[in-house]
Protein backbone atom coordinates (compact mmCIF):
# COMPACT_ATOMS: atom_id res chain seq x y z
CA MET A 1 77.02 93.05 127.20
CA GLY A 2 77.56 95.58 129.98
CA ARG A 3 75.09 96.53 132.63
CA GLY A 4 72.64 99.38 132.36
CA ARG A 5 72.01 102.32 134.67
CA VAL A 6 72.07 101.27 138.33
CA VAL A 7 69.47 102.69 140.71
CA LEU A 8 71.15 103.99 143.88
CA GLU A 9 69.28 102.08 146.54
CA ARG A 10 70.05 99.24 148.91
CA ILE A 11 70.55 95.93 147.16
CA GLU A 12 68.30 93.35 148.80
CA ASN A 13 70.02 90.27 147.41
CA LYS A 14 72.92 89.44 149.73
CA ILE A 15 75.08 87.83 147.05
CA ASN A 16 74.63 90.73 144.65
CA ARG A 17 75.23 93.18 147.50
CA GLN A 18 78.48 91.45 148.43
CA VAL A 19 79.67 91.33 144.80
CA THR A 20 78.82 95.00 144.31
CA PHE A 21 80.59 95.91 147.55
CA SER A 22 83.73 94.08 146.48
CA LYS A 23 83.79 95.74 143.06
CA ARG A 24 83.01 99.23 144.31
CA ARG A 25 85.54 98.88 147.14
CA SER A 26 88.29 97.94 144.68
CA GLY A 27 87.34 100.85 142.45
CA LEU A 28 87.33 103.28 145.35
CA LEU A 29 90.73 102.10 146.56
CA LYS A 30 92.08 102.44 143.04
CA LYS A 31 90.71 105.97 142.75
CA ALA A 32 92.27 106.92 146.08
CA PHE A 33 95.63 105.61 144.92
CA GLU A 34 95.38 107.49 141.61
CA LEU A 35 94.44 110.69 143.42
CA SER A 36 97.44 110.44 145.73
CA VAL A 37 99.86 109.76 142.85
CA LEU A 38 98.51 112.20 140.27
CA CYS A 39 97.86 115.12 142.61
CA ASP A 40 100.60 114.48 145.19
CA ALA A 41 97.94 114.43 147.92
CA GLU A 42 97.85 112.69 151.26
CA VAL A 43 94.90 110.32 151.11
CA ALA A 44 93.46 108.14 153.85
CA LEU A 45 90.50 105.88 153.16
CA ILE A 46 88.64 103.74 155.73
CA ILE A 47 85.85 101.37 154.72
CA LEU A 48 83.69 99.40 157.18
CA SER A 49 81.63 96.61 155.68
CA SER A 50 78.22 95.50 156.92
CA ARG A 51 79.91 92.47 158.47
CA GLY A 52 82.30 94.62 160.51
CA LYS A 53 85.40 94.17 158.34
CA ILE A 54 87.74 97.14 158.02
CA PHE A 55 89.45 98.08 154.74
CA GLN A 56 91.79 101.02 154.63
CA TYR A 57 94.25 102.78 152.32
CA SER A 58 96.68 105.60 153.05
CA SER A 59 99.31 107.23 150.89
CA THR A 60 101.49 107.72 154.01
CA ASP A 61 101.07 106.83 157.69
CA ILE A 62 97.31 106.82 158.32
CA ASN A 63 97.74 107.97 161.95
CA LYS A 64 99.64 111.08 160.83
CA ILE A 65 96.98 111.84 158.26
CA ILE A 66 94.18 111.52 160.83
CA GLU A 67 96.07 113.70 163.32
CA ARG A 68 96.63 116.34 160.68
CA TYR A 69 92.94 116.22 159.85
CA ARG A 70 91.99 116.74 163.51
CA ARG A 71 94.29 119.73 163.84
CA CYS A 72 92.91 121.33 160.71
CA ARG A 73 89.35 120.50 161.61
CA TYR A 74 89.11 121.37 165.32
CA ASN A 75 91.92 123.72 166.34
CA ASN A 76 90.67 126.76 164.47
CA SER A 77 87.00 127.07 163.66
CA HIS A 78 87.55 129.64 160.90
CA ASP A 79 90.26 127.63 159.26
CA GLY A 80 88.14 124.57 159.83
CA ASN A 81 85.19 126.11 158.03
CA LEU A 82 87.47 127.19 155.18
CA PHE A 83 88.95 123.73 154.98
CA GLU A 84 85.50 122.17 155.00
CA HIS A 85 84.36 124.49 152.24
CA GLU A 86 87.39 123.68 150.15
CA SER A 87 86.88 119.99 150.81
CA GLN A 88 83.27 120.22 149.70
CA SER A 89 84.31 122.09 146.55
CA LEU A 90 86.96 119.52 145.75
CA TYR A 91 84.53 116.71 146.43
CA GLN A 92 81.92 118.28 144.16
CA GLU A 93 84.53 118.71 141.46
CA PHE A 94 85.55 115.12 141.92
CA LEU A 95 81.93 114.01 141.53
CA ASN A 96 81.58 116.03 138.34
CA ILE A 97 84.76 114.59 136.90
CA ARG A 98 83.70 111.08 137.82
CA GLU A 99 80.30 111.57 136.25
CA GLU A 100 81.89 112.91 133.07
CA TYR A 101 84.32 109.99 133.03
CA GLU A 102 81.50 107.47 133.43
CA SER A 103 79.53 109.21 130.71
CA LEU A 104 82.47 108.97 128.34
CA GLU A 105 82.88 105.30 129.19
CA ARG A 106 79.21 104.66 128.45
CA THR A 107 79.46 106.51 125.17
CA GLN A 108 82.48 104.45 124.22
CA ARG A 109 80.68 101.23 125.02
CA HIS A 110 77.66 102.38 123.04
CA CYS A 111 79.87 103.14 120.04
CA GLN A 112 81.26 99.61 120.33
CA GLY A 113 77.74 98.17 120.27
CA GLU A 114 77.54 97.40 123.99
CA GLU A 115 74.82 98.24 126.52
CA LEU A 116 72.31 99.34 123.87
CA GLU A 117 69.25 97.77 125.52
CA PRO A 118 68.59 100.58 128.07
CA LEU A 119 68.77 103.31 125.37
CA SER A 120 65.58 104.87 124.07
CA LEU A 121 64.69 105.33 120.41
CA LYS A 122 65.86 108.96 120.39
CA GLU A 123 69.16 108.03 122.02
CA LEU A 124 69.69 105.28 119.46
CA GLN A 125 68.94 107.70 116.62
CA LYS A 126 71.36 110.23 118.10
CA LEU A 127 74.01 107.53 118.43
CA GLU A 128 73.39 106.51 114.81
CA LYS A 129 73.93 110.10 113.63
CA GLN A 130 77.13 110.34 115.63
CA LEU A 131 78.41 107.10 114.15
CA ASP A 132 77.48 108.24 110.62
CA GLY A 133 79.36 111.49 111.14
CA THR A 134 82.36 109.67 112.53
CA LEU A 135 82.28 107.18 109.65
CA THR A 136 82.12 110.03 107.11
CA LEU A 137 85.11 111.75 108.67
CA ALA A 138 87.03 108.48 108.76
CA ARG A 139 86.27 107.85 105.09
CA GLN A 140 87.35 111.36 104.14
CA GLN A 141 90.61 110.94 106.02
CA GLN A 142 91.17 107.55 104.42
CA THR A 143 90.46 109.00 100.96
CA LYS A 144 92.98 111.78 101.54
CA LYS A 145 95.64 109.30 102.57
CA LEU A 146 94.90 107.05 99.58
CA MET A 147 95.10 110.01 97.18
CA ALA A 148 98.39 111.13 98.71
CA ARG A 149 99.73 107.59 98.40
CA ALA A 150 98.58 107.35 94.77
CA GLU A 151 100.26 110.68 93.95
CA GLU A 152 103.46 109.44 95.57
CA LEU A 153 103.34 106.25 93.51
CA ARG A 154 102.71 108.22 90.30
CA GLU A 155 105.72 110.37 91.06
CA LYS A 156 107.85 107.27 91.56
CA VAL A 157 106.61 105.79 88.27
CA HIS A 158 107.46 109.04 86.45
CA ASN A 159 110.96 109.07 87.93
CA LEU A 160 111.49 105.43 86.95
CA GLU A 161 110.34 106.14 83.39
CA GLU A 162 112.76 109.06 83.12
CA LEU A 163 115.56 106.89 84.44
CA ASN A 164 114.64 104.16 81.94
CA LYS A 165 114.79 106.65 79.07
CA GLN A 166 118.20 107.86 80.18
CA LEU A 167 119.46 104.29 80.33
CA GLU A 168 118.09 103.60 76.83
CA TYR A 169 119.87 106.66 75.46
CA LYS A 170 123.13 105.55 77.06
CA GLU A 171 122.67 102.04 75.69
CA ARG A 172 122.13 103.40 72.18
CA ASP A 173 125.22 105.56 72.44
CA ILE A 174 127.29 102.59 73.60
CA LEU A 175 125.96 100.39 70.76
CA SER A 176 126.67 103.14 68.21
CA SER A 177 130.22 103.47 69.49
CA LEU A 178 130.72 99.70 69.31
CA VAL A 179 129.35 99.55 65.75
CA ALA A 180 131.56 102.45 64.65
CA ASP A 181 134.64 100.80 66.17
CA ASN A 182 133.75 97.51 64.48
CA ASN A 183 133.36 99.23 61.09
CA SER A 184 136.71 100.94 61.54
CA HIS A 185 138.38 97.61 62.26
CA VAL A 186 136.73 96.02 59.21
CA GLN A 187 137.82 98.86 56.91
CA LEU A 188 141.35 98.71 58.29
CA HIS A 189 141.47 94.96 57.74
CA ALA A 190 140.15 95.36 54.19
CA THR A 191 142.72 98.05 53.43
CA GLN A 192 145.51 95.87 54.76
CA SER A 193 144.22 92.93 52.67
CA ASN A 194 144.08 95.09 49.55
CA GLN A 195 147.58 96.29 50.20
CA VAL A 196 148.80 92.72 50.58
CA GLU A 197 147.00 91.64 47.40
CA SER A 198 148.41 94.63 45.51
CA GLY A 199 151.94 93.79 46.65
CA THR A 200 151.49 90.16 45.62
CA THR A 201 150.17 91.18 42.18
CA LEU A 202 153.07 93.56 41.60
CA SER A 203 155.57 90.93 42.66
CA THR A 204 153.99 88.40 40.30
CA ARG A 205 154.00 90.86 37.43
CA PHE A 206 157.61 91.74 38.12
CA ARG A 207 158.57 88.08 38.05
CA HIS A 208 156.72 87.48 34.78
CA GLN A 209 158.42 90.50 33.22
CA GLU A 210 161.79 89.35 34.48
CA ALA A 211 161.18 85.86 33.09
CA ALA A 212 160.11 87.28 29.74
CA SER A 213 163.17 89.47 29.59
CA LYS A 214 165.39 86.49 30.32
CA GLY A 215 163.64 84.48 27.56
CA LYS A 216 164.16 87.23 25.03
CA ALA A 217 167.81 87.52 25.98
CA ILE A 218 168.30 83.79 25.57
CA GLY A 219 166.54 83.83 22.16
CA THR A 220 168.68 86.70 20.96
CA ARG A 221 171.83 84.90 22.04
CA THR A 222 170.68 81.74 20.23
CA GLU A 223 169.97 83.63 17.02
CA ARG A 224 173.35 85.31 17.20
CA SER A 225 175.05 81.93 17.70
CA GLN A 226 173.21 80.43 14.71
CA SER A 227 174.08 83.42 12.56
CA SER A 228 177.73 83.09 13.50
CA GLU A 229 177.74 79.42 12.74
CA ASN A 230 176.16 80.02 9.34
CA ILE A 231 178.73 82.64 8.51
CA ASN A 232 181.50 80.38 9.57
CA ASN A 233 180.07 77.50 7.58
CA GLY A 234 179.81 79.69 4.46
CA TRP A 235 183.29 80.90 4.80
CA LEU A 236 184.54 77.44 5.16
CA VAL A 237 182.74 76.35 1.99
């Protein structure tokens, strides 16, 4: 859990005071660096601890920055007053921004369930309402996305069903064509078989008729020979 609101007064415990000094010093140096990078400003920071240690940061040469400050501060009183006024305005703006930033950080921690002990009942109720509103909006957004996804899936299913129907129609057409071709081949084969059988039958009939004709001719010749022999025999008698 994070810490609560800190009262701005001297910390009596030496260990806690040293720890706080170290943390705040690091944060201040970090802020000075960010200010120099983000705003393209020349920043010089000097910190003297209670033990006499010196900590400093400068975006460029610290001596040049101090000399420039002296010229702007002391050479011209009017310009110096204007510079001081602008500095105070910028410093006040910086304080406001820092306070807003810290407030946003606290709110974020509260939303994550941290540092809730220092909050009063009204603040907790207000936080609860904010979380309920945020949860409602999140659920609405999630529902919209789920409905859009479901509609997309339904569209895909419909397209797949249409494609399946088209494939079934093509399959039926192909099967019908194959069956028709098969029937044509069967009929052709049957016709050819009938023609072969008809030719065989005619050939057989022709042979039988030819054999019968030959038999009749032989019988006629035999009868004629017997008749001739009888005549001859009678004549001889």
